[in-house]
Amino acid sequence: MKKILLDTNFLLIPYQFKVDIFSEIRRISDFKYRLCIVDKTIDELKKIIEKQKGKHMRAAILGLAMLDMKKAQVIKSKEKNADEAIEKIALKARKTYIVATQDAELKRKLKKKGVSLIVLKGKAHLELLGN
């Protein structure tokens, strides 16, 4: 079973672009998978809710609610931020994890090291890269 590791900015897509990331993940996945998230991503969403206003805050609230609704598996990490944690976890088990992110730097690093990615294309649909 593959594990799809969701990044903070990926969870903001439904509010920002009105794309149902979960039905899109089902559409592009012809394999069994489990949704996962690192604890630092939850921390980042909570920080956005505390410090931001307007659409950013609402996007983060929706992201947290969706994680709860979808029962995403939370992975504990010792890294100081979500991107470092995601990179470490994904690189440790390249064949198991697919990283869902919009972070350009993280995408570049992971793609270079052979990690599969799920990205937003054309602000309208998701695409699986490198599976």
C-alpha atoms as a PDB file:
ATOM      1  CA  MET A   1       0.000   0.000   0.000  1.00  0.00           C
ATOM      2  CA  LYS A   2       1.294   3.451  -0.940  1.00  0.00           C
ATOM      3  CA  LYS A   3       1.230   6.331   1.508  1.00  0.00           C
ATOM      4  CA  ILE A   4       0.355   9.780   0.217  1.00  0.00           C
ATOM      5  CA  LEU A   5       2.059  12.405   2.357  1.00  0.00           C
ATOM      6  CA  LEU A   6       0.162  15.716   2.256  1.00  0.00           C
ATOM      7  CA  ASP A   7       2.059  19.006   2.572  1.00  0.00           C
ATOM      8  CA  THR A   8       0.588  22.150   4.143  1.00  0.00           C
ATOM      9  CA  ASN A   9       0.228  24.108   0.907  1.00  0.00           C
ATOM     10  CA  PHE A  10      -1.482  21.128  -0.741  1.00  0.00           C
ATOM     11  CA  LEU A  11      -4.222  21.223   1.892  1.00  0.00           C
ATOM     12  CA  LEU A  12      -4.951  24.851   1.013  1.00  0.00           C
ATOM     13  CA  ILE A  13      -5.817  23.975  -2.625  1.00  0.00           C
ATOM     14  CA  PRO A  14      -9.515  23.157  -2.021  1.00  0.00           C
ATOM     15  CA  TYR A  15     -10.223  26.622  -0.659  1.00  0.00           C
ATOM     16  CA  GLN A  16      -7.874  28.538  -2.970  1.00  0.00           C
ATOM     17  CA  PHE A  17      -8.670  26.822  -6.274  1.00  0.00           C
ATOM     18  CA  LYS A  18     -11.953  24.979  -5.562  1.00  0.00           C
ATOM     19  CA  VAL A  19     -10.356  21.629  -6.460  1.00  0.00           C
ATOM     20  CA  ASP A  20     -11.510  18.541  -4.536  1.00  0.00           C
ATOM     21  CA  ILE A  21      -8.067  17.078  -3.864  1.00  0.00           C
ATOM     22  CA  PHE A  22      -9.474  13.857  -2.408  1.00  0.00           C
ATOM     23  CA  SER A  23     -11.608  12.924  -5.400  1.00  0.00           C
ATOM     24  CA  GLU A  24      -8.695  13.918  -7.645  1.00  0.00           C
ATOM     25  CA  ILE A  25      -6.336  11.657  -5.683  1.00  0.00           C
ATOM     26  CA  ARG A  26      -8.830   8.800  -6.159  1.00  0.00           C
ATOM     27  CA  ARG A  27      -9.016   9.592  -9.882  1.00  0.00           C
ATOM     28  CA  ILE A  28      -5.237   9.426 -10.444  1.00  0.00           C
ATOM     29  CA  SER A  29      -4.524   6.497  -8.103  1.00  0.00           C
ATOM     30  CA  ASP A  30      -4.967   3.014  -9.534  1.00  0.00           C
ATOM     31  CA  PHE A  31      -3.564   1.516  -6.331  1.00  0.00           C
ATOM     32  CA  LYS A  32      -4.457   1.267  -2.656  1.00  0.00           C
ATOM     33  CA  TYR A  33      -3.240   4.187  -0.596  1.00  0.00           C
ATOM     34  CA  ARG A  34      -3.400   5.776   2.817  1.00  0.00           C
ATOM     35  CA  LEU A  35      -3.411   9.526   3.425  1.00  0.00           C
ATOM     36  CA  CYS A  36      -0.671  10.661   5.796  1.00  0.00           C
ATOM     37  CA  ILE A  37       0.509  13.916   7.295  1.00  0.00           C
ATOM     38  CA  VAL A  38       3.450  14.904   9.465  1.00  0.00           C
ATOM     39  CA  ASP A  39       2.728  16.511  12.813  1.00  0.00           C
ATOM     40  CA  LYS A  40       4.589  19.656  11.712  1.00  0.00           C
ATOM     41  CA  THR A  41       2.025  20.179   8.927  1.00  0.00           C
ATOM     42  CA  ILE A  42      -0.746  20.305  11.519  1.00  0.00           C
ATOM     43  CA  ASP A  43       1.368  22.806  13.475  1.00  0.00           C
ATOM     44  CA  GLU A  44       1.768  24.946  10.334  1.00  0.00           C
ATOM     45  CA  LEU A  45      -1.988  24.929   9.665  1.00  0.00           C
ATOM     46  CA  LYS A  46      -2.696  25.945  13.271  1.00  0.00           C
ATOM     47  CA  LYS A  47      -0.127  28.750  13.012  1.00  0.00           C
ATOM     48  CA  ILE A  48      -1.835  30.056   9.843  1.00  0.00           C
ATOM     49  CA  ILE A  49      -5.180  30.025  11.672  1.00  0.00           C
ATOM     50  CA  GLU A  50      -3.695  31.963  14.615  1.00  0.00           C
ATOM     51  CA  LYS A  51      -1.698  34.542  12.674  1.00  0.00           C
ATOM     52  CA  GLN A  52      -3.489  35.034   9.356  1.00  0.00           C
ATOM     53  CA  LYS A  53      -6.834  36.555   8.481  1.00  0.00           C
ATOM     54  CA  GLY A  54      -9.301  36.182   5.660  1.00  0.00           C
ATOM     55  CA  LYS A  55      -8.822  33.588   2.943  1.00  0.00           C
ATOM     56  CA  HIS A  56      -5.575  32.135   4.323  1.00  0.00           C
ATOM     57  CA  MET A  57      -7.152  31.495   7.705  1.00  0.00           C
ATOM     58  CA  ARG A  58     -10.292  29.988   6.133  1.00  0.00           C
ATOM     59  CA  ALA A  59      -8.170  27.776   3.844  1.00  0.00           C
ATOM     60  CA  ALA A  60      -6.220  26.444   6.848  1.00  0.00           C
ATOM     61  CA  ILE A  61      -9.414  25.798   8.841  1.00  0.00           C
ATOM     62  CA  LEU A  62     -10.820  23.826   5.906  1.00  0.00           C
ATOM     63  CA  GLY A  63      -7.529  21.925   5.545  1.00  0.00           C
ATOM     64  CA  LEU A  64      -7.571  20.842   9.190  1.00  0.00           C
ATOM     65  CA  ALA A  65     -11.239  19.849   8.989  1.00  0.00           C
ATOM     66  CA  MET A  66     -10.594  17.725   5.886  1.00  0.00           C
ATOM     67  CA  LEU A  67      -7.691  15.934   7.567  1.00  0.00           C
ATOM     68  CA  ASP A  68      -9.926  15.064  10.474  1.00  0.00           C
ATOM     69  CA  MET A  69     -12.739  13.944   8.181  1.00  0.00           C
ATOM     70  CA  LYS A  70     -10.425  11.782   6.050  1.00  0.00           C
ATOM     71  CA  LYS A  71      -8.728  10.265   9.117  1.00  0.00           C
ATOM     72  CA  ALA A  72      -5.217  10.950   7.810  1.00  0.00           C
ATOM     73  CA  GLN A  73      -2.477   9.062   9.649  1.00  0.00           C
ATOM     74  CA  VAL A  74      -0.295  11.481  11.638  1.00  0.00           C
ATOM     75  CA  ILE A  75       3.448  10.775  11.525  1.00  0.00           C
ATOM     76  CA  LYS A  76       5.525  12.175  14.387  1.00  0.00           C
ATOM     77  CA  SER A  77       8.778  13.873  13.434  1.00  0.00           C
ATOM     78  CA  LYS A  78      11.756  15.459  15.134  1.00  0.00           C
ATOM     79  CA  GLU A  79      12.543  17.900  12.332  1.00  0.00           C
ATOM     80  CA  LYS A  80      11.951  21.605  12.900  1.00  0.00           C
ATOM     81  CA  ASN A  81       9.553  22.112   9.973  1.00  0.00           C
ATOM     82  CA  ALA A  82       7.145  20.186   7.769  1.00  0.00           C
ATOM     83  CA  ASP A  83       9.245  20.274   4.587  1.00  0.00           C
ATOM     84  CA  GLU A  84      12.286  18.783   6.323  1.00  0.00           C
ATOM     85  CA  ALA A  85      10.135  16.096   7.924  1.00  0.00           C
ATOM     86  CA  ILE A  86       8.418  15.235   4.632  1.00  0.00           C
ATOM     87  CA  GLU A  87      11.745  15.060   2.803  1.00  0.00           C
ATOM     88  CA  LYS A  88      13.313  12.788   5.432  1.00  0.00           C
ATOM     89  CA  ILE A  89      10.317  10.419   5.557  1.00  0.00           C
ATOM     90  CA  ALA A  90       9.916  10.253   1.773  1.00  0.00           C
ATOM     91  CA  LEU A  91      13.615   9.635   1.135  1.00  0.00           C
ATOM     92  CA  LYS A  92      13.740   6.877   3.727  1.00  0.00           C
ATOM     93  CA  ALA A  93      11.044   4.901   1.866  1.00  0.00           C
ATOM     94  CA  ARG A  94      10.962   6.200  -1.740  1.00  0.00           C
ATOM     95  CA  LYS A  95       8.860   3.301  -3.051  1.00  0.00           C
ATOM     96  CA  THR A  96       6.246   3.616  -0.299  1.00  0.00           C
ATOM     97  CA  TYR A  97       5.611   7.372  -0.182  1.00  0.00           C
ATOM     98  CA  ILE A  98       4.143   9.775  -2.704  1.00  0.00           C
ATOM     99  CA  VAL A  99       4.408  13.424  -1.681  1.00  0.00           C
ATOM    100  CA  ALA A 100       1.524  15.786  -2.478  1.00  0.00           C
ATOM    101  CA  THR A 101       2.928  19.322  -2.518  1.00  0.00           C
ATOM    102  CA  GLN A 102       2.980  22.643  -4.323  1.00  0.00           C
ATOM    103  CA  ASP A 103       6.288  23.743  -2.750  1.00  0.00           C
ATOM    104  CA  ALA A 104       8.673  24.329  -5.680  1.00  0.00           C
ATOM    105  CA  GLU A 105      11.866  23.711  -3.703  1.00  0.00           C
ATOM    106  CA  LEU A 106      10.563  20.537  -2.070  1.00  0.00           C
ATOM    107  CA  LYS A 107       9.285  19.243  -5.436  1.00  0.00           C
ATOM    108  CA  ARG A 108      12.689  19.890  -7.042  1.00  0.00           C
ATOM    109  CA  LYS A 109      14.606  18.072  -4.280  1.00  0.00           C
ATOM    110  CA  LEU A 110      12.281  15.061  -4.175  1.00  0.00           C
ATOM    111  CA  LYS A 111      11.976  14.693  -7.946  1.00  0.00           C
ATOM    112  CA  LYS A 112      15.770  14.746  -8.259  1.00  0.00           C
ATOM    113  CA  LYS A 113      15.971  11.874  -5.745  1.00  0.00           C
ATOM    114  CA  GLY A 114      13.283   9.746  -7.395  1.00  0.00           C
ATOM    115  CA  VAL A 115      10.327  10.364  -5.083  1.00  0.00           C
ATOM    116  CA  SER A 116       6.885  10.302  -6.743  1.00  0.00           C
ATOM    117  CA  LEU A 117       4.825  13.488  -6.474  1.00  0.00           C
ATOM    118  CA  ILE A 118       1.232  14.638  -6.761  1.00  0.00           C
ATOM    119  CA  VAL A 119       0.933  18.228  -7.999  1.00  0.00           C
ATOM    120  CA  LEU A 120      -1.763  20.672  -9.067  1.00  0.00           C
ATOM    121  CA  LYS A 121      -1.813  21.304 -12.823  1.00  0.00           C
ATOM    122  CA  GLY A 122      -3.523  24.268 -14.436  1.00  0.00           C
ATOM    123  CA  LYS A 123      -5.239  25.190 -11.153  1.00  0.00           C
ATOM    124  CA  ALA A 124      -7.839  22.602 -12.122  1.00  0.00           C
ATOM    125  CA  HIS A 125      -6.682  19.005 -11.575  1.00  0.00           C
ATOM    126  CA  LEU A 126      -4.019  16.851  -9.950  1.00  0.00           C
ATOM    127  CA  GLU A 127      -1.284  14.927 -11.691  1.00  0.00           C
ATOM    128  CA  LEU A 128       0.860  12.034 -10.468  1.00  0.00           C
ATOM    129  CA  LEU A 129       4.518  12.375 -11.434  1.00  0.00           C
ATOM    130  CA  GLY A 130       7.121   9.628 -11.341  1.00  0.00           C
ATOM    131  CA  ASN A 131       5.109   6.623 -10.227  1.00  0.00           C
END
